[in-house]
Amino acid sequence: MPSACGRSAGPDEVDKAILRALRKIGGSAKPKDIAERAGLDARRVAAKMRKLVRLGLVERSEEGLYSITENGLKLIEGQG
């Protein structure tokens, strides 16, 4: 279902790039480190992480580190 701005509420290509970067990191990471690995702006990644948590594709620890979930892995596994 499209959001108010006309975009899909599901993961977009930037979200998938973030998930691929997290998979390559292989553990938990700060948004800054994820952004560096994905070649994206750190502020943009930090904002996107809230969406990915809400979608159940990443988890956030109490320390502010993010890790990919099984659902996140499943989403990107078919994309090579």
PDB file of N, CA and C in Angstrom:
ATOM      1  N   MET A   1       0.841  -1.180   0.000  1.00  0.00           N
ATOM      2  CA  MET A   1       0.000   0.000   0.000  1.00  0.00           C
ATOM      3  C   MET A   1       0.887   1.245   0.000  1.00  0.00           C
ATOM      4  N   PRO A   2       0.646   2.165  -0.913  1.00  0.00           N
ATOM      5  CA  PRO A   2       1.471   3.374  -0.963  1.00  0.00           C
ATOM      6  C   PRO A   2       1.270   4.252   0.256  1.00  0.00           C
ATOM      7  N   SER A   3       2.327   4.940   0.648  1.00  0.00           N
ATOM      8  CA  SER A   3       2.233   5.876   1.764  1.00  0.00           C
ATOM      9  C   SER A   3       1.696   7.203   1.255  1.00  0.00           C
ATOM     10  N   ALA A   4       1.569   8.166   2.148  1.00  0.00           N
ATOM     11  CA  ALA A   4       1.021   9.473   1.793  1.00  0.00           C
ATOM     12  C   ALA A   4       1.852  10.171   0.720  1.00  0.00           C
ATOM     13  N   CYS A   5       3.139   9.883   0.652  1.00  0.00           N
ATOM     14  CA  CYS A   5       3.979  10.533  -0.353  1.00  0.00           C
ATOM     15  C   CYS A   5       4.033   9.738  -1.652  1.00  0.00           C
ATOM     16  N   GLY A   6       3.217   8.671  -1.750  1.00  0.00           N
ATOM     17  CA  GLY A   6       3.130   7.910  -2.982  1.00  0.00           C
ATOM     18  C   GLY A   6       4.129   6.780  -3.109  1.00  0.00           C
ATOM     19  N   ARG A   7       4.949   6.567  -2.109  1.00  0.00           N
ATOM     20  CA  ARG A   7       5.935   5.493  -2.147  1.00  0.00           C
ATOM     21  C   ARG A   7       5.417   4.284  -1.388  1.00  0.00           C
ATOM     22  N   SER A   8       5.915   3.145  -1.755  1.00  0.00           N
ATOM     23  CA  SER A   8       5.548   1.915  -1.084  1.00  0.00           C
ATOM     24  C   SER A   8       6.112   1.908   0.333  1.00  0.00           C
ATOM     25  N   ALA A   9       5.368   1.282   1.248  1.00  0.00           N
ATOM     26  CA  ALA A   9       5.823   1.190   2.629  1.00  0.00           C
ATOM     27  C   ALA A   9       6.836   0.061   2.808  1.00  0.00           C
ATOM     28  N   GLY A  10       7.009  -0.775   1.782  1.00  0.00           N
ATOM     29  CA  GLY A  10       7.961  -1.873   1.853  1.00  0.00           C
ATOM     30  C   GLY A  10       9.381  -1.398   1.622  1.00  0.00           C
ATOM     31  N   PRO A  11      10.337  -2.320   1.701  1.00  0.00           N
ATOM     32  CA  PRO A  11      11.741  -1.950   1.524  1.00  0.00           C
ATOM     33  C   PRO A  11      12.043  -1.489   0.097  1.00  0.00           C
ATOM     34  N   ASP A  12      12.816  -0.411  -0.022  1.00  0.00           N
ATOM     35  CA  ASP A  12      13.235   0.085  -1.330  1.00  0.00           C
ATOM     36  C   ASP A  12      14.688  -0.336  -1.582  1.00  0.00           C
ATOM     37  N   GLU A  13      15.270   0.143  -2.666  1.00  0.00           N
ATOM     38  CA  GLU A  13      16.632  -0.270  -3.022  1.00  0.00           C
ATOM     39  C   GLU A  13      17.678   0.186  -2.001  1.00  0.00           C
ATOM     40  N   VAL A  14      17.480   1.356  -1.409  1.00  0.00           N
ATOM     41  CA  VAL A  14      18.416   1.821  -0.373  1.00  0.00           C
ATOM     42  C   VAL A  14      18.325   0.911   0.847  1.00  0.00           C
ATOM     43  N   ASP A  15      17.098   0.546   1.229  1.00  0.00           N
ATOM     44  CA  ASP A  15      16.913  -0.375   2.354  1.00  0.00           C
ATOM     45  C   ASP A  15      17.653  -1.688   2.088  1.00  0.00           C
ATOM     46  N   LYS A  16      17.522  -2.194   0.874  1.00  0.00           N
ATOM     47  CA  LYS A  16      18.177  -3.458   0.526  1.00  0.00           C
ATOM     48  C   LYS A  16      19.698  -3.318   0.529  1.00  0.00           C
ATOM     49  N   ALA A  17      20.200  -2.165   0.115  1.00  0.00           N
ATOM     50  CA  ALA A  17      21.648  -1.925   0.161  1.00  0.00           C
ATOM     51  C   ALA A  17      22.141  -1.936   1.606  1.00  0.00           C
ATOM     52  N   ILE A  18      21.342  -1.375   2.500  1.00  0.00           N
ATOM     53  CA  ILE A  18      21.679  -1.377   3.927  1.00  0.00           C
ATOM     54  C   ILE A  18      21.700  -2.808   4.457  1.00  0.00           C
ATOM     55  N   LEU A  19      20.702  -3.600   4.078  1.00  0.00           N
ATOM     56  CA  LEU A  19      20.645  -4.991   4.525  1.00  0.00           C
ATOM     57  C   LEU A  19      21.836  -5.789   3.993  1.00  0.00           C
ATOM     58  N   ARG A  20      22.203  -5.560   2.745  1.00  0.00           N
ATOM     59  CA  ARG A  20      23.371  -6.261   2.185  1.00  0.00           C
ATOM     60  C   ARG A  20      24.647  -5.868   2.929  1.00  0.00           C
ATOM     61  N   ALA A  21      24.767  -4.595   3.273  1.00  0.00           N
ATOM     62  CA  ALA A  21      25.942  -4.137   4.023  1.00  0.00           C
ATOM     63  C   ALA A  21      25.993  -4.798   5.398  1.00  0.00           C
ATOM     64  N   LEU A  22      24.857  -4.886   6.062  1.00  0.00           N
ATOM     65  CA  LEU A  22      24.812  -5.541   7.375  1.00  0.00           C
ATOM     66  C   LEU A  22      25.194  -7.010   7.261  1.00  0.00           C
ATOM     67  N   ARG A  23      24.734  -7.661   6.207  1.00  0.00           N
ATOM     68  CA  ARG A  23      25.091  -9.072   6.009  1.00  0.00           C
ATOM     69  C   ARG A  23      26.603  -9.203   5.824  1.00  0.00           C
ATOM     70  N   LYS A  24      27.207  -8.308   5.052  1.00  0.00           N
ATOM     71  CA  LYS A  24      28.658  -8.355   4.829  1.00  0.00           C
ATOM     72  C   LYS A  24      29.434  -8.094   6.111  1.00  0.00           C
ATOM     73  N   ILE A  25      28.923  -7.202   6.946  1.00  0.00           N
ATOM     74  CA  ILE A  25      29.570  -6.915   8.230  1.00  0.00           C
ATOM     75  C   ILE A  25      29.561  -8.168   9.092  1.00  0.00           C
ATOM     76  N   GLY A  26      28.478  -8.928   9.032  1.00  0.00           N
ATOM     77  CA  GLY A  26      28.411 -10.208   9.715  1.00  0.00           C
ATOM     78  C   GLY A  26      28.138 -10.140  11.203  1.00  0.00           C
ATOM     79  N   GLY A  27      27.660  -9.028  11.688  1.00  0.00           N
ATOM     80  CA  GLY A  27      27.333  -8.892  13.100  1.00  0.00           C
ATOM     81  C   GLY A  27      26.601  -7.594  13.331  1.00  0.00           C
ATOM     82  N   SER A  28      26.737  -7.056  14.508  1.00  0.00           N
ATOM     83  CA  SER A  28      26.085  -5.798  14.854  1.00  0.00           C
ATOM     84  C   SER A  28      26.976  -4.624  14.481  1.00  0.00           C
ATOM     85  N   ALA A  29      26.331  -3.503  14.123  1.00  0.00           N
ATOM     86  CA  ALA A  29      27.102  -2.330  13.720  1.00  0.00           C
ATOM     87  C   ALA A  29      26.318  -1.053  13.974  1.00  0.00           C
ATOM     88  N   LYS A  30      27.052   0.053  14.077  1.00  0.00           N
ATOM     89  CA  LYS A  30      26.453   1.379  14.193  1.00  0.00           C
ATOM     90  C   LYS A  30      26.035   1.851  12.803  1.00  0.00           C
ATOM     91  N   PRO A  31      25.024   2.734  12.731  1.00  0.00           N
ATOM     92  CA  PRO A  31      24.614   3.261  11.424  1.00  0.00           C
ATOM     93  C   PRO A  31      25.776   3.853  10.626  1.00  0.00           C
ATOM     94  N   LYS A  32      26.707   4.518  11.309  1.00  0.00           N
ATOM     95  CA  LYS A  32      27.869   5.112  10.629  1.00  0.00           C
ATOM     96  C   LYS A  32      28.684   4.048   9.894  1.00  0.00           C
ATOM     97  N   ASP A  33      28.903   2.905  10.549  1.00  0.00           N
ATOM     98  CA  ASP A  33      29.678   1.824   9.945  1.00  0.00           C
ATOM     99  C   ASP A  33      28.915   1.160   8.799  1.00  0.00           C
ATOM    100  N   ILE A  34      27.604   1.029   8.975  1.00  0.00           N
ATOM    101  CA  ILE A  34      26.761   0.461   7.919  1.00  0.00           C
ATOM    102  C   ILE A  34      26.792   1.377   6.699  1.00  0.00           C
ATOM    103  N   ALA A  35      26.685   2.677   6.945  1.00  0.00           N
ATOM    104  CA  ALA A  35      26.699   3.659   5.855  1.00  0.00           C
ATOM    105  C   ALA A  35      28.009   3.593   5.086  1.00  0.00           C
ATOM    106  N   GLU A  36      29.106   3.494   5.810  1.00  0.00           N
ATOM    107  CA  GLU A  36      30.418   3.420   5.167  1.00  0.00           C
ATOM    108  C   GLU A  36      30.511   2.191   4.274  1.00  0.00           C
ATOM    109  N   ARG A  37      30.045   1.068   4.781  1.00  0.00           N
ATOM    110  CA  ARG A  37      30.096  -0.192   4.021  1.00  0.00           C
ATOM    111  C   ARG A  37      29.195  -0.132   2.788  1.00  0.00           C
ATOM    112  N   ALA A  38      28.024   0.537   2.921  1.00  0.00           N
ATOM    113  CA  ALA A  38      27.057   0.618   1.820  1.00  0.00           C
ATOM    114  C   ALA A  38      27.332   1.776   0.868  1.00  0.00           C
ATOM    115  N   GLY A  39      28.239   2.673   1.242  1.00  0.00           N
ATOM    116  CA  GLY A  39      28.519   3.838   0.414  1.00  0.00           C
ATOM    117  C   GLY A  39      27.396   4.861   0.442  1.00  0.00           C
ATOM    118  N   LEU A  40      26.753   4.998   1.605  1.00  0.00           N
ATOM    119  CA  LEU A  40      25.618   5.910   1.765  1.00  0.00           C
ATOM    120  C   LEU A  40      25.909   6.947   2.840  1.00  0.00           C
ATOM    121  N   ASP A  41      25.109   8.003   2.866  1.00  0.00           N
ATOM    122  CA  ASP A  41      25.211   9.040   3.883  1.00  0.00           C
ATOM    123  C   ASP A  41      24.770   8.479   5.235  1.00  0.00           C
ATOM    124  N   ALA A  42      25.539   8.731   6.282  1.00  0.00           N
ATOM    125  CA  ALA A  42      25.253   8.184   7.611  1.00  0.00           C
ATOM    126  C   ALA A  42      23.909   8.657   8.153  1.00  0.00           C
ATOM    127  N   ARG A  43      23.548   9.908   7.898  1.00  0.00           N
ATOM    128  CA  ARG A  43      22.249  10.405   8.391  1.00  0.00           C
ATOM    129  C   ARG A  43      21.093   9.699   7.704  1.00  0.00           C
ATOM    130  N   ARG A  44      21.261   9.435   6.419  1.00  0.00           N
ATOM    131  CA  ARG A  44      20.209   8.730   5.682  1.00  0.00           C
ATOM    132  C   ARG A  44      20.046   7.314   6.219  1.00  0.00           C
ATOM    133  N   VAL A  45      21.162   6.644   6.473  1.00  0.00           N
ATOM    134  CA  VAL A  45      21.109   5.285   7.008  1.00  0.00           C
ATOM    135  C   VAL A  45      20.454   5.283   8.383  1.00  0.00           C
ATOM    136  N   ALA A  46      20.819   6.223   9.241  1.00  0.00           N
ATOM    137  CA  ALA A  46      20.227   6.287  10.583  1.00  0.00           C
ATOM    138  C   ALA A  46      18.711   6.424  10.497  1.00  0.00           C
ATOM    139  N   ALA A  47      18.229   7.249   9.581  1.00  0.00           N
ATOM    140  CA  ALA A  47      16.781   7.421   9.413  1.00  0.00           C
ATOM    141  C   ALA A  47      16.138   6.146   8.869  1.00  0.00           C
ATOM    142  N   LYS A  48      16.797   5.488   7.946  1.00  0.00           N
ATOM    143  CA  LYS A  48      16.260   4.262   7.350  1.00  0.00           C
ATOM    144  C   LYS A  48      16.191   3.117   8.361  1.00  0.00           C
ATOM    145  N   MET A  49      17.089   3.108   9.340  1.00  0.00           N
ATOM    146  CA  MET A  49      17.118   2.012  10.303  1.00  0.00           C
ATOM    147  C   MET A  49      15.812   1.905  11.078  1.00  0.00           C
ATOM    148  N   ARG A  50      15.188   3.035  11.383  1.00  0.00           N
ATOM    149  CA  ARG A  50      13.901   2.996  12.098  1.00  0.00           C
ATOM    150  C   ARG A  50      12.859   2.237  11.287  1.00  0.00           C
ATOM    151  N   LYS A  51      12.822   2.487   9.994  1.00  0.00           N
ATOM    152  CA  LYS A  51      11.886   1.785   9.107  1.00  0.00           C
ATOM    153  C   LYS A  51      12.195   0.291   9.083  1.00  0.00           C
ATOM    154  N   LEU A  52      13.475  -0.056   8.968  1.00  0.00           N
ATOM    155  CA  LEU A  52      13.856  -1.461   8.887  1.00  0.00           C
ATOM    156  C   LEU A  52      13.545  -2.210  10.179  1.00  0.00           C
ATOM    157  N   VAL A  53      13.687  -1.535  11.310  1.00  0.00           N
ATOM    158  CA  VAL A  53      13.293  -2.143  12.592  1.00  0.00           C
ATOM    159  C   VAL A  53      11.784  -2.374  12.594  1.00  0.00           C
ATOM    160  N   ARG A  54      11.031  -1.364  12.184  1.00  0.00           N
ATOM    161  CA  ARG A  54       9.568  -1.459  12.156  1.00  0.00           C
ATOM    162  C   ARG A  54       9.103  -2.608  11.252  1.00  0.00           C
ATOM    163  N   LEU A  55       9.812  -2.830  10.151  1.00  0.00           N
ATOM    164  CA  LEU A  55       9.465  -3.914   9.226  1.00  0.00           C
ATOM    165  C   LEU A  55       9.961  -5.284   9.696  1.00  0.00           C
ATOM    166  N   GLY A  56      10.728  -5.304  10.794  1.00  0.00           N
ATOM    167  CA  GLY A  56      11.242  -6.570  11.315  1.00  0.00           C
ATOM    168  C   GLY A  56      12.425  -7.123  10.535  1.00  0.00           C
ATOM    169  N   LEU A  57      13.115  -6.257   9.789  1.00  0.00           N
ATOM    170  CA  LEU A  57      14.244  -6.696   8.971  1.00  0.00           C
ATOM    171  C   LEU A  57      15.580  -6.527   9.677  1.00  0.00           C
ATOM    172  N   VAL A  58      15.624  -5.656  10.680  1.00  0.00           N
ATOM    173  CA  VAL A  58      16.802  -5.492  11.532  1.00  0.00           C
ATOM    174  C   VAL A  58      16.348  -5.352  12.976  1.00  0.00           C
ATOM    175  N   GLU A  59      17.275  -5.605  13.881  1.00  0.00           N
ATOM    176  CA  GLU A  59      17.034  -5.421  15.314  1.00  0.00           C
ATOM    177  C   GLU A  59      18.015  -4.391  15.839  1.00  0.00           C
ATOM    178  N   ARG A  60      17.573  -3.647  16.847  1.00  0.00           N
ATOM    179  CA  ARG A  60      18.428  -2.642  17.488  1.00  0.00           C
ATOM    180  C   ARG A  60      18.695  -3.066  18.923  1.00  0.00           C
ATOM    181  N   SER A  61      19.956  -3.076  19.309  1.00  0.00           N
ATOM    182  CA  SER A  61      20.323  -3.423  20.682  1.00  0.00           C
ATOM    183  C   SER A  61      20.206  -2.189  21.570  1.00  0.00           C
ATOM    184  N   GLU A  62      20.278  -2.406  22.874  1.00  0.00           N
ATOM    185  CA  GLU A  62      20.240  -1.289  23.823  1.00  0.00           C
ATOM    186  C   GLU A  62      21.431  -0.358  23.634  1.00  0.00           C
ATOM    187  N   GLU A  63      22.517  -0.885  23.083  1.00  0.00           N
ATOM    188  CA  GLU A  63      23.721  -0.082  22.843  1.00  0.00           C
ATOM    189  C   GLU A  63      23.634   0.729  21.553  1.00  0.00           C
ATOM    190  N   GLY A  64      22.532   0.575  20.806  1.00  0.00           N
ATOM    191  CA  GLY A  64      22.367   1.313  19.557  1.00  0.00           C
ATOM    192  C   GLY A  64      22.996   0.649  18.348  1.00  0.00           C
ATOM    193  N   LEU A  65      23.313  -0.631  18.479  1.00  0.00           N
ATOM    194  CA  LEU A  65      23.874  -1.388  17.362  1.00  0.00           C
ATOM    195  C   LEU A  65      22.754  -2.128  16.643  1.00  0.00           C
ATOM    196  N   TYR A  66      22.908  -2.274  15.341  1.00  0.00           N
ATOM    197  CA  TYR A  66      21.890  -2.934  14.527  1.00  0.00           C
ATOM    198  C   TYR A  66      22.427  -4.235  13.957  1.00  0.00           C
ATOM    199  N   SER A  67      21.535  -5.219  13.844  1.00  0.00           N
ATOM    200  CA  SER A  67      21.887  -6.488  13.214  1.00  0.00           C
ATOM    201  C   SER A  67      20.722  -6.941  12.345  1.00  0.00           C
ATOM    202  N   ILE A  68      21.038  -7.681  11.305  1.00  0.00           N
ATOM    203  CA  ILE A  68      20.019  -8.151  10.376  1.00  0.00           C
ATOM    204  C   ILE A  68      19.289  -9.345  10.987  1.00  0.00           C
ATOM    205  N   THR A  69      17.990  -9.435  10.745  1.00  0.00           N
ATOM    206  CA  THR A  69      17.179 -10.548  11.240  1.00  0.00           C
ATOM    207  C   THR A  69      17.081 -11.631  10.168  1.00  0.00           C
ATOM    208  N   GLU A  70      16.500 -12.762  10.533  1.00  0.00           N
ATOM    209  CA  GLU A  70      16.257 -13.830   9.559  1.00  0.00           C
ATOM    210  C   GLU A  70      15.400 -13.315   8.409  1.00  0.00           C
ATOM    211  N   ASN A  71      14.377 -12.506   8.724  1.00  0.00           N
ATOM    212  CA  ASN A  71      13.523 -11.950   7.671  1.00  0.00           C
ATOM    213  C   ASN A  71      14.314 -11.039   6.742  1.00  0.00           C
ATOM    214  N   GLY A  72      15.237 -10.273   7.294  1.00  0.00           N
ATOM    215  CA  GLY A  72      16.086  -9.417   6.476  1.00  0.00           C
ATOM    216  C   GLY A  72      16.977 -10.233   5.552  1.00  0.00           C
ATOM    217  N   LEU A  73      17.543 -11.312   6.092  1.00  0.00           N
ATOM    218  CA  LEU A  73      18.377 -12.193   5.270  1.00  0.00           C
ATOM    219  C   LEU A  73      17.570 -12.826   4.150  1.00  0.00           C
ATOM    220  N   LYS A  74      16.362 -13.294   4.476  1.00  0.00           N
ATOM    221  CA  LYS A  74      15.508 -13.922   3.465  1.00  0.00           C
ATOM    222  C   LYS A  74      15.189 -12.946   2.339  1.00  0.00           C
ATOM    223  N   LEU A  75      14.966 -11.691   2.686  1.00  0.00           N
ATOM    224  CA  LEU A  75      14.621 -10.685   1.682  1.00  0.00           C
ATOM    225  C   LEU A  75      15.739 -10.506   0.658  1.00  0.00           C
ATOM    226  N   ILE A  76      16.985 -10.496   1.114  1.00  0.00           N
ATOM    227  CA  ILE A  76      18.091 -10.210   0.194  1.00  0.00           C
ATOM    228  C   ILE A  76      18.756 -11.456  -0.386  1.00  0.00           C
ATOM    229  N   GLU A  77      18.477 -12.626   0.162  1.00  0.00           N
ATOM    230  CA  GLU A  77      19.140 -13.840  -0.323  1.00  0.00           C
ATOM    231  C   GLU A  77      18.882 -14.106  -1.797  1.00  0.00           C
ATOM    232  N   GLY A  78      17.690 -13.836  -2.265  1.00  0.00           N
ATOM    233  CA  GLY A  78      17.352 -14.102  -3.657  1.00  0.00           C
ATOM    234  C   GLY A  78      17.880 -13.065  -4.622  1.00  0.00           C
ATOM    235  N   GLN A  79      18.620 -12.058  -4.130  1.00  0.00           N
ATOM    236  CA  GLN A  79      19.067 -10.963  -4.982  1.00  0.00           C
ATOM    237  C   GLN A  79      20.534 -11.052  -5.360  1.00  0.00           C
ATOM    238  N   GLY A  80      21.205 -12.099  -4.908  1.00  0.00           N
ATOM    239  CA  GLY A  80      22.614 -12.277  -5.284  1.00  0.00           C
ATOM    240  C   GLY A  80      23.531 -11.411  -4.610  1.00  0.00           C
TER     241      GLY A  80
END
